[in-house]
Protein backbone atom coordinates (compact mmCIF):
# COMPACT_ATOMS: atom_id res chain seq x y z
CA UNK A 1 0.08 -0.04 0.00
CA UNK A 2 1.41 3.48 -0.97
CA UNK A 3 2.08 5.70 1.92
CA UNK A 4 0.32 8.94 0.75
CA UNK A 5 1.65 10.98 3.65
CA UNK A 6 5.14 10.82 1.95
CA UNK A 7 3.79 13.02 -0.90
CA UNK A 8 5.80 16.00 -1.45
CA UNK A 9 5.80 19.23 -3.68
CA UNK A 10 8.06 19.00 -6.67
CA UNK A 11 7.20 22.20 -8.91
CA UNK A 12 4.67 24.44 -10.33
CA UNK A 13 4.46 25.23 -14.07
CA UNK A 14 2.59 27.43 -16.16
CA UNK A 15 2.31 24.87 -18.91
CA UNK A 16 3.61 21.57 -19.77
CA UNK A 17 6.74 22.80 -21.47
CA UNK A 18 7.99 23.56 -17.93
CA UNK A 19 7.15 20.21 -16.34
CA UNK A 20 9.75 17.68 -15.54
CA UNK A 21 10.38 14.71 -17.85
CA UNK A 22 7.35 13.03 -19.14
CA UNK A 23 8.15 9.66 -17.53
CA UNK A 24 6.58 7.54 -14.70
CA UNK A 25 2.94 7.76 -13.53
CA UNK A 26 0.72 10.69 -12.99
CA UNK A 27 -2.87 11.09 -11.88
CA UNK A 28 -4.29 14.36 -12.29
CA UNK A 29 -6.91 15.94 -9.96
CA UNK A 30 -9.24 18.46 -11.58
CA UNK A 31 -12.55 20.07 -10.79
CA UNK A 32 -14.34 23.38 -10.34
CA UNK A 33 -12.72 26.12 -8.35
CA UNK A 34 -15.12 25.43 -5.40
CA UNK A 35 -15.17 21.80 -5.37
CA UNK A 36 -12.59 21.47 -2.50
CA UNK A 37 -9.87 19.90 -4.61
CA UNK A 38 -7.04 21.21 -2.46
CA UNK A 39 -8.82 20.39 0.82
CA UNK A 40 -9.29 16.79 -0.56
CA UNK A 41 -5.46 16.59 -1.48
CA UNK A 42 -4.65 17.53 1.79
CA UNK A 43 -6.85 14.86 3.37
CA UNK A 44 -5.61 12.03 1.25
CA UNK A 45 -1.99 12.95 2.16
CA UNK A 46 -2.88 13.67 5.80
CA UNK A 47 -1.04 16.92 5.44
CA UNK A 48 -2.48 20.36 6.26
CA UNK A 49 -0.58 22.54 3.91
CA UNK A 50 0.54 20.43 0.96
CA UNK A 51 -2.06 22.02 -1.42
CA UNK A 52 -2.72 25.54 -0.67
CA UNK A 53 -6.38 26.13 0.13
CA UNK A 54 -8.14 29.64 0.25
CA UNK A 55 -11.61 30.98 1.16
CA UNK A 56 -11.39 32.61 -2.38
CA UNK A 57 -11.73 30.03 -5.09
CA UNK A 58 -9.38 29.96 -8.15
CA UNK A 59 -5.92 30.07 -6.25
CA UNK A 60 -4.64 27.00 -8.26
CA UNK A 61 -3.51 28.92 -11.20
CA UNK A 62 -0.58 26.67 -12.15
CA UNK A 63 0.08 22.93 -12.85
CA UNK A 64 1.38 21.66 -9.50
CA UNK A 65 3.25 18.44 -9.25
CA UNK A 66 3.70 16.46 -6.08
CA UNK A 67 5.67 13.15 -5.77
CA UNK A 68 4.49 10.15 -3.68
CA UNK A 69 7.51 8.07 -4.42
CA UNK A 70 9.82 7.61 -7.43
CA UNK A 71 7.82 7.55 -10.71
CA UNK A 72 4.47 8.15 -8.89
CA UNK A 73 3.05 11.65 -8.90
CA UNK A 74 -0.07 13.57 -8.26
CA UNK A 75 -1.00 16.63 -10.58
CA UNK A 76 -3.00 19.40 -9.22
CA UNK A 77 -4.42 21.19 -12.19
CA UNK A 78 -6.08 24.72 -12.28
CA UNK A 79 -9.66 24.76 -11.10
CA UNK A 80 -12.33 25.94 -13.45
CA UNK A 81 -15.53 27.84 -13.06
CA UNK A 82 -14.62 30.80 -11.44
CA UNK A 83 -16.04 33.75 -12.95
CA UNK A 84 -14.14 36.64 -11.11
CA UNK A 85 -10.93 36.74 -12.77
CA UNK A 86 -9.88 38.55 -15.84
CA UNK A 87 -10.59 36.77 -19.16
CA UNK A 88 -6.80 36.55 -20.03
CA UNK A 89 -6.33 34.40 -16.92
CA UNK A 90 -9.28 32.23 -17.78
CA UNK A 91 -7.67 31.58 -21.03
CA UNK A 92 -4.42 30.74 -19.70
CA UNK A 93 -6.03 28.20 -17.33
CA UNK A 94 -7.91 26.79 -20.17
CA UNK A 95 -4.85 26.34 -22.41
CA UNK A 96 -2.88 24.93 -19.55
CA UNK A 97 -5.26 22.17 -18.42
CA UNK A 98 -6.24 21.11 -22.01
CA UNK A 99 -2.56 20.93 -23.00
CA UNK A 100 -1.78 18.95 -20.09
CA UNK A 101 -4.59 16.55 -20.55
CA UNK A 102 -4.18 15.92 -24.22
CA UNK A 103 -0.34 15.82 -24.31
CA UNK A 104 1.02 14.51 -21.26
CA UNK A 105 1.99 10.85 -21.85
CA UNK A 106 2.57 10.14 -18.32
CA UNK A 107 -1.10 10.68 -17.33
CA UNK A 108 -2.65 7.33 -16.39
CA UNK A 109 -5.87 8.40 -14.61
CA UNK A 110 -8.09 11.39 -13.86
CA UNK A 111 -9.65 12.35 -10.74
CA UNK A 112 -12.76 14.65 -11.28
CA UNK A 113 -13.88 16.27 -8.04
CA UNK A 114 -17.57 17.69 -7.97
CA UNK A 115 -19.55 19.38 -5.18
CA UNK A 116 -22.04 16.48 -4.36
CA UNK A 117 -24.74 19.38 -4.40
CA UNK A 118 -23.73 20.55 -7.85
CA UNK A 119 -22.45 17.74 -9.96
CA UNK A 120 -21.75 17.06 -13.50
CA UNK A 121 -21.48 20.68 -14.75
CA UNK A 122 -20.55 21.30 -18.35
CA UNK A 123 -16.77 21.16 -18.05
CA UNK A 124 -17.07 18.12 -15.78
CA UNK A 125 -18.80 16.47 -18.54
CA UNK A 126 -16.24 17.31 -21.05
CA UNK A 127 -13.53 15.96 -19.18
CA UNK A 128 -15.35 12.69 -18.47
CA UNK A 129 -16.30 12.27 -22.09
CA UNK A 130 -12.67 12.99 -23.12
CA UNK A 131 -11.40 10.20 -20.62
CA UNK A 132 -13.97 7.82 -22.10
CA UNK A 133 -12.41 8.62 -25.46
CA UNK A 134 -9.03 8.25 -24.15
CA UNK A 135 -9.84 5.02 -22.48
CA UNK A 136 -8.38 5.86 -19.27
CA UNK A 137 -9.41 5.47 -15.64
CA UNK A 138 -11.80 8.10 -14.09
CA UNK A 139 -12.17 8.48 -10.44
CA UNK A 140 -15.12 10.68 -9.58
CA UNK A 141 -15.16 12.23 -5.97
CA UNK A 142 -18.39 13.82 -4.81
CA UNK A 143 -17.09 16.29 -2.14
CA UNK A 144 -18.76 17.95 0.71
CA UNK A 145 -21.15 14.82 1.46
CA UNK A 146 -21.43 15.90 4.87
CA UNK A 147 -23.41 18.96 3.55
CA UNK A 148 -26.47 16.47 2.89
CA UNK A 149 -28.56 14.22 5.00
CA UNK A 150 -28.36 10.64 4.50
CA UNK A 151 -31.26 10.13 2.21
CA UNK A 152 -30.49 13.39 0.16
CA UNK A 153 -26.78 12.14 -0.12
CA UNK A 154 -27.99 8.64 -1.36
CA UNK A 155 -30.34 10.16 -3.80
CA UNK A 156 -27.45 12.50 -5.04
CA UNK A 157 -25.15 9.49 -5.55
CA UNK A 158 -27.61 7.30 -7.34
CA UNK A 159 -28.59 10.46 -9.65
CA UNK A 160 -24.90 10.81 -10.73
CA UNK A 161 -24.79 7.19 -11.22
CA UNK A 162 -27.80 7.28 -13.70
CA UNK A 163 -26.30 10.26 -15.57
CA UNK A 164 -22.96 8.66 -15.91
CA UNK A 165 -24.28 5.82 -17.91
CA UNK A 166 -24.44 8.03 -20.85
CA UNK A 167 -20.48 8.33 -20.98
CA UNK A 168 -19.99 4.76 -21.64
CA UNK A 169 -16.74 4.52 -19.74
CA UNK A 170 -15.47 2.64 -16.67
CA UNK A 171 -15.49 5.06 -13.70
CA UNK A 172 -15.03 4.90 -9.84
CA UNK A 173 -17.44 6.93 -7.60
CA UNK A 174 -16.88 7.91 -4.07
CA UNK A 175 -18.71 10.33 -1.79
CA UNK A 176 -16.31 12.19 0.30
CA UNK A 177 -16.15 14.36 3.11
CA UNK A 178 -12.88 16.04 4.41
CA UNK A 179 -14.71 16.72 7.75
CA UNK A 180 -15.98 13.23 8.67
CA UNK A 181 -13.45 11.23 6.37
CA UNK A 182 -16.24 9.44 4.74
CA UNK A 183 -14.82 7.80 1.65
CA UNK A 184 -11.22 8.70 2.34
CA UNK A 185 -9.91 5.02 2.63
CA UNK A 186 -11.82 3.98 -0.42
CA UNK A 187 -10.34 6.88 -2.35
CA UNK A 188 -6.68 5.77 -1.19
CA UNK A 189 -7.49 2.23 -2.17
CA UNK A 190 -8.45 3.07 -5.72
CA UNK A 191 -5.59 5.40 -6.26
CA UNK A 192 -3.30 2.86 -5.00
CA UNK A 193 -4.90 0.30 -7.47
CA UNK A 194 -4.15 2.95 -10.20
CA UNK A 195 -0.49 3.26 -9.51
CA UNK A 196 -0.18 -0.56 -9.10
CA UNK A 197 -1.97 -1.15 -12.36
CA UNK A 198 0.02 1.22 -14.54
CA UNK A 199 3.68 0.55 -15.21
CA UNK A 200 5.88 3.13 -16.87
CA UNK A 201 5.87 1.35 -20.04
CA UNK A 202 2.11 1.32 -20.27
CA UNK A 203 1.09 2.79 -23.62
CA UNK A 204 -1.15 5.88 -23.50
CA UNK A 205 -3.74 6.51 -26.11
CA UNK A 206 -2.46 8.67 -28.93
CA UNK A 207 -4.20 12.02 -29.66
CA UNK A 208 -3.64 14.20 -32.73
CA UNK A 209 -1.42 17.07 -32.70
CA UNK A 210 -2.91 20.34 -31.64
CA UNK A 211 -5.21 20.96 -34.67
CA UNK A 212 -8.79 21.06 -35.45
CA UNK A 213 -9.29 17.30 -34.57
CA UNK A 214 -7.59 17.69 -31.22
CA UNK A 215 -9.74 20.59 -30.35
CA UNK A 216 -12.76 18.43 -30.70
CA UNK A 217 -11.35 15.76 -28.61
CA UNK A 218 -11.61 18.13 -25.67
CA UNK A 219 -13.54 21.24 -26.78
CA UNK A 220 -13.44 23.34 -23.57
CA UNK A 221 -15.48 26.63 -24.24
CA UNK A 222 -15.25 29.88 -22.33
CA UNK A 223 -19.01 29.55 -21.16
CA UNK A 224 -18.23 26.28 -19.53
CA UNK A 225 -15.19 27.42 -17.99
CA UNK A 226 -16.89 30.20 -16.15
CA UNK A 227 -20.49 29.43 -15.91
CA UNK A 228 -22.35 29.02 -12.71
CA UNK A 229 -19.92 29.56 -9.95
CA UNK A 230 -21.74 32.50 -8.28
CA UNK A 231 -25.20 30.55 -8.05
CA UNK A 232 -23.46 27.47 -6.30
CA UNK A 233 -21.96 29.26 -3.48
């Protein structure tokens, strides 16, 4: 079993050209800016300040790399859906996330974090659809599960499961609370399985170069990037 508490920061990069060598196994964490991504990373690694948290969403503006052990890394990608930033910043985040997902060969699995009360927004759907096309593993974490009563939580989970049928991909779904630690052990077990299954020599599905066809593979539009944050607070 991997000791996630050994996870340590490696580097931050504005785009994939500034990342370390494209080898080993990387699992990317991605989600809306208010989904609790940094809090989840800190909980998984049992560290208070590994990923910087803030009361102001949208603080993750770079691609942040963390190493658990040799050739096993966690990647914290810029959050999306936060409207109160300049358009130039939105486009920069959009470009960084898209390029990483499409071109990073060491990417082996994607963890999509969604507030259980507001799941499967437009960009969440786009990323899950892309993962299905790429035939890579997906772990969906429904965060802030403590915000719902038991029956409401069960209904929300079942509703997400029903909606996920349309994507036609294999996925793992966990309801998670950083407060109560609900789902934490299951998340660690799934991540451990991901790292164990993938060897460095595992082939990653090929994507076209960054042309028209590639844009269609992961078509992140500006509306999906910023839509809906204020009404979800």
